[in-house]
Amino acid sequence: MHRKLTWLILFAAISLVADSGAGIRWTTPPGWKPQEQRAMRLATYTVPPAQGDQDSGECGVYYFGAGQGGSVQANMDRWISQFQQPDGKTSKAIIKNGAVGDGLKLSTVDVSGAYTGMGGPRAPQGSPKSGYRLLGAIVEGSRGSIFFKFTGPANTVAQNQSAFLKMLASLHSE
């Protein structure tokens, strides 16, 4: 009985940190708190603020269905356009393409500046938040693309960048 209880506790702990959807599995970084279910999202995580930051970060994991959600380039362009520099111009971004896990295509973007993308279909757009950063990733799976969008104050995102990259490194097909 003791061995069975130990196994159940271990299984429960593992299930708290591993997530999946659309045939892809990933491991959630420790300390990232899952939020309640939202429309069009497989998961949403609150990332604790870095010392000195007032706002938490957020990582939304989106899936719209096979062939849905737009192309990788269109999403990268949209995410980048959500950031501006003090002169009003769009921020420059670092885009990388590669593979992860069992050969899944992965594209990433890193952009910072004043974040204008807080609005959405169900939320009014607020005023730009200066000093923000986005780490985004799109993994192309057999059932369609999954979009990881991690935004927050630049210090919070920088402090959690390695955790985000480890989460991406854990991506694999189910």
Protein backbone atom coordinates (compact mmCIF):
# COMPACT_ATOMS: atom_id res chain seq x y z
CA MET A 1 0.00 0.00 0.00
CA HIS A 2 2.84 2.40 0.87
CA ARG A 3 4.50 1.83 -2.52
CA LYS A 4 1.20 2.47 -4.35
CA LEU A 5 0.65 5.72 -2.41
CA THR A 6 4.21 6.88 -3.20
CA TRP A 7 3.59 6.19 -6.91
CA LEU A 8 0.31 8.14 -6.86
CA ILE A 9 1.99 11.13 -5.18
CA LEU A 10 4.84 11.04 -7.71
CA PHE A 11 2.39 10.77 -10.62
CA ALA A 12 0.37 13.73 -9.28
CA ALA A 13 3.52 15.85 -8.93
CA ILE A 14 4.60 15.03 -12.48
CA SER A 15 1.15 15.84 -13.87
CA LEU A 16 1.30 19.29 -12.27
CA VAL A 17 4.36 20.27 -14.29
CA ALA A 18 3.72 18.59 -17.65
CA ASP A 19 1.14 19.85 -20.10
CA SER A 20 0.01 18.83 -23.55
CA GLY A 21 -2.33 19.57 -26.38
CA ALA A 22 -2.75 18.97 -30.08
CA GLY A 23 -0.39 15.99 -29.94
CA ILE A 24 2.48 17.94 -28.33
CA ARG A 25 3.73 17.67 -24.75
CA TRP A 26 5.89 20.10 -22.75
CA THR A 27 7.11 20.55 -19.18
CA THR A 28 5.95 23.67 -17.38
CA PRO A 29 8.69 25.61 -15.58
CA PRO A 30 8.65 25.38 -11.77
CA GLY A 31 7.03 28.41 -10.18
CA TRP A 32 4.84 29.20 -13.19
CA LYS A 33 1.25 29.07 -11.95
CA PRO A 34 -1.48 27.72 -14.25
CA GLN A 35 -4.49 29.99 -14.68
CA GLU A 36 -8.07 28.92 -15.32
CA GLN A 37 -9.00 27.60 -18.76
CA ARG A 38 -9.52 30.28 -21.44
CA ALA A 39 -10.97 30.19 -24.92
CA MET A 40 -8.46 29.37 -27.68
CA ARG A 41 -5.73 28.50 -25.15
CA LEU A 42 -4.31 25.16 -24.17
CA ALA A 43 -2.78 26.78 -21.09
CA THR A 44 -2.03 30.13 -19.50
CA TYR A 45 0.68 30.62 -16.88
CA THR A 46 1.32 33.49 -14.50
CA VAL A 47 5.04 34.13 -14.10
CA PRO A 48 6.02 35.84 -10.81
CA PRO A 49 7.47 39.34 -11.21
CA ALA A 50 11.21 39.89 -10.86
CA GLN A 51 12.36 42.02 -7.97
CA GLY A 52 11.46 45.63 -8.72
CA ASP A 53 8.75 44.77 -11.26
CA GLN A 54 5.14 45.48 -10.34
CA ASP A 55 3.52 43.31 -13.01
CA SER A 56 3.70 39.55 -13.39
CA GLY A 57 4.53 37.96 -16.71
CA GLU A 58 2.12 35.77 -18.64
CA CYS A 59 2.71 32.87 -20.98
CA GLY A 60 -0.26 31.93 -23.12
CA VAL A 61 -0.22 28.67 -25.10
CA TYR A 62 -2.62 28.90 -28.04
CA TYR A 63 -4.02 26.28 -30.40
CA PHE A 64 -6.65 27.08 -33.02
CA GLY A 65 -6.88 23.74 -34.84
CA ALA A 66 -5.17 22.09 -37.78
CA GLY A 67 -4.42 24.63 -40.51
CA GLN A 68 -5.71 27.49 -38.32
CA GLY A 69 -4.07 30.45 -36.59
CA GLY A 70 -2.17 31.85 -39.56
CA SER A 71 1.31 31.24 -40.88
CA VAL A 72 4.44 31.33 -38.76
CA GLN A 73 5.59 34.53 -40.49
CA ALA A 74 2.22 36.27 -40.10
CA ASN A 75 2.23 35.56 -36.35
CA MET A 76 5.84 36.67 -35.94
CA ASP A 77 5.06 39.90 -37.81
CA ARG A 78 1.96 40.53 -35.66
CA TRP A 79 3.83 39.91 -32.39
CA ILE A 80 6.68 42.20 -33.45
CA SER A 81 4.22 44.92 -34.49
CA GLN A 82 2.86 44.93 -30.92
CA PHE A 83 6.11 46.56 -29.71
CA GLN A 84 7.23 50.13 -30.38
CA GLN A 85 10.27 52.20 -29.62
CA PRO A 86 10.10 55.73 -28.12
CA ASP A 87 10.22 57.21 -31.65
CA GLY A 88 7.04 55.26 -32.53
CA LYS A 89 8.79 52.81 -34.84
CA THR A 90 8.30 49.07 -34.57
CA SER A 91 10.94 47.35 -32.45
CA LYS A 92 13.63 45.19 -34.02
CA ALA A 93 13.37 41.50 -33.23
CA ILE A 94 15.54 38.40 -33.16
CA ILE A 95 13.95 35.50 -35.06
CA LYS A 96 15.39 31.98 -35.09
CA ASN A 97 14.25 28.79 -36.81
CA GLY A 98 15.22 25.26 -35.90
CA ALA A 99 13.92 21.97 -34.59
CA VAL A 100 13.22 20.52 -31.18
CA GLY A 101 12.31 17.18 -29.62
CA ASP A 102 11.59 14.53 -32.19
CA GLY A 103 12.12 16.84 -35.19
CA LEU A 104 9.34 19.35 -34.57
CA LYS A 105 9.84 22.63 -36.45
CA LEU A 106 10.29 25.52 -34.02
CA SER A 107 10.42 29.26 -34.74
CA THR A 108 11.17 31.79 -32.00
CA VAL A 109 11.05 35.56 -31.64
CA ASP A 110 12.49 37.95 -29.03
CA VAL A 111 11.29 41.57 -29.08
CA SER A 112 11.07 44.39 -26.55
CA GLY A 113 9.86 47.97 -26.17
CA ALA A 114 6.49 49.52 -25.36
CA TYR A 115 3.93 46.70 -25.54
CA THR A 116 0.70 47.64 -27.31
CA GLY A 117 -0.79 44.15 -27.64
CA MET A 118 -2.78 43.80 -24.44
CA GLY A 119 -6.13 43.98 -26.20
CA GLY A 120 -7.88 41.15 -27.92
CA PRO A 121 -11.26 40.09 -29.24
CA ARG A 122 -12.75 40.20 -25.74
CA ALA A 123 -10.57 42.86 -24.12
CA PRO A 124 -10.16 46.53 -24.99
CA GLN A 125 -6.65 47.59 -25.88
CA GLY A 126 -4.96 49.52 -23.09
CA SER A 127 -2.26 52.14 -23.34
CA PRO A 128 1.23 50.86 -24.23
CA LYS A 129 3.30 49.43 -21.38
CA SER A 130 6.89 50.57 -21.65
CA GLY A 131 9.80 48.32 -20.75
CA TYR A 132 8.12 45.10 -21.83
CA ARG A 133 9.47 42.07 -23.66
CA LEU A 134 8.03 39.12 -25.57
CA LEU A 135 9.53 35.70 -26.07
CA GLY A 136 7.41 33.84 -28.59
CA ALA A 137 7.61 30.41 -30.13
CA ILE A 138 5.62 28.49 -32.70
CA VAL A 139 5.96 24.72 -32.85
CA GLU A 140 4.58 22.99 -35.92
CA GLY A 141 3.03 19.65 -35.01
CA SER A 142 1.16 17.01 -36.96
CA ARG A 143 -2.19 18.44 -35.77
CA GLY A 144 -1.29 22.08 -36.39
CA SER A 145 0.78 24.82 -34.82
CA ILE A 146 0.94 25.66 -31.13
CA PHE A 147 1.81 29.25 -30.21
CA PHE A 148 3.71 30.14 -27.01
CA LYS A 149 3.57 33.86 -26.18
CA PHE A 150 5.43 34.94 -23.03
CA THR A 151 5.09 38.67 -22.26
CA GLY A 152 5.85 40.83 -19.28
CA PRO A 153 8.19 43.44 -17.84
CA ALA A 154 11.62 43.07 -19.45
CA ASN A 155 13.31 42.12 -16.15
CA THR A 156 10.71 39.45 -15.39
CA VAL A 157 11.05 37.97 -18.87
CA ALA A 158 14.87 38.08 -18.70
CA GLN A 159 14.83 36.35 -15.30
CA ASN A 160 12.64 33.58 -16.76
CA GLN A 161 14.20 33.31 -20.22
CA SER A 162 16.15 30.13 -19.40
CA ALA A 163 12.97 28.55 -17.95
CA PHE A 164 11.09 29.43 -21.15
CA LEU A 165 13.87 27.94 -23.29
CA LYS A 166 13.89 24.75 -21.17
CA MET A 167 10.13 24.47 -21.69
CA LEU A 168 10.67 24.73 -25.45
CA ALA A 169 13.48 22.16 -25.27
CA SER A 170 11.02 19.75 -23.59
CA LEU A 171 8.57 19.86 -26.54
CA HIS A 172 7.91 16.48 -28.12
CA SER A 173 5.14 14.62 -29.92
CA GLU A 174 2.82 12.51 -27.81
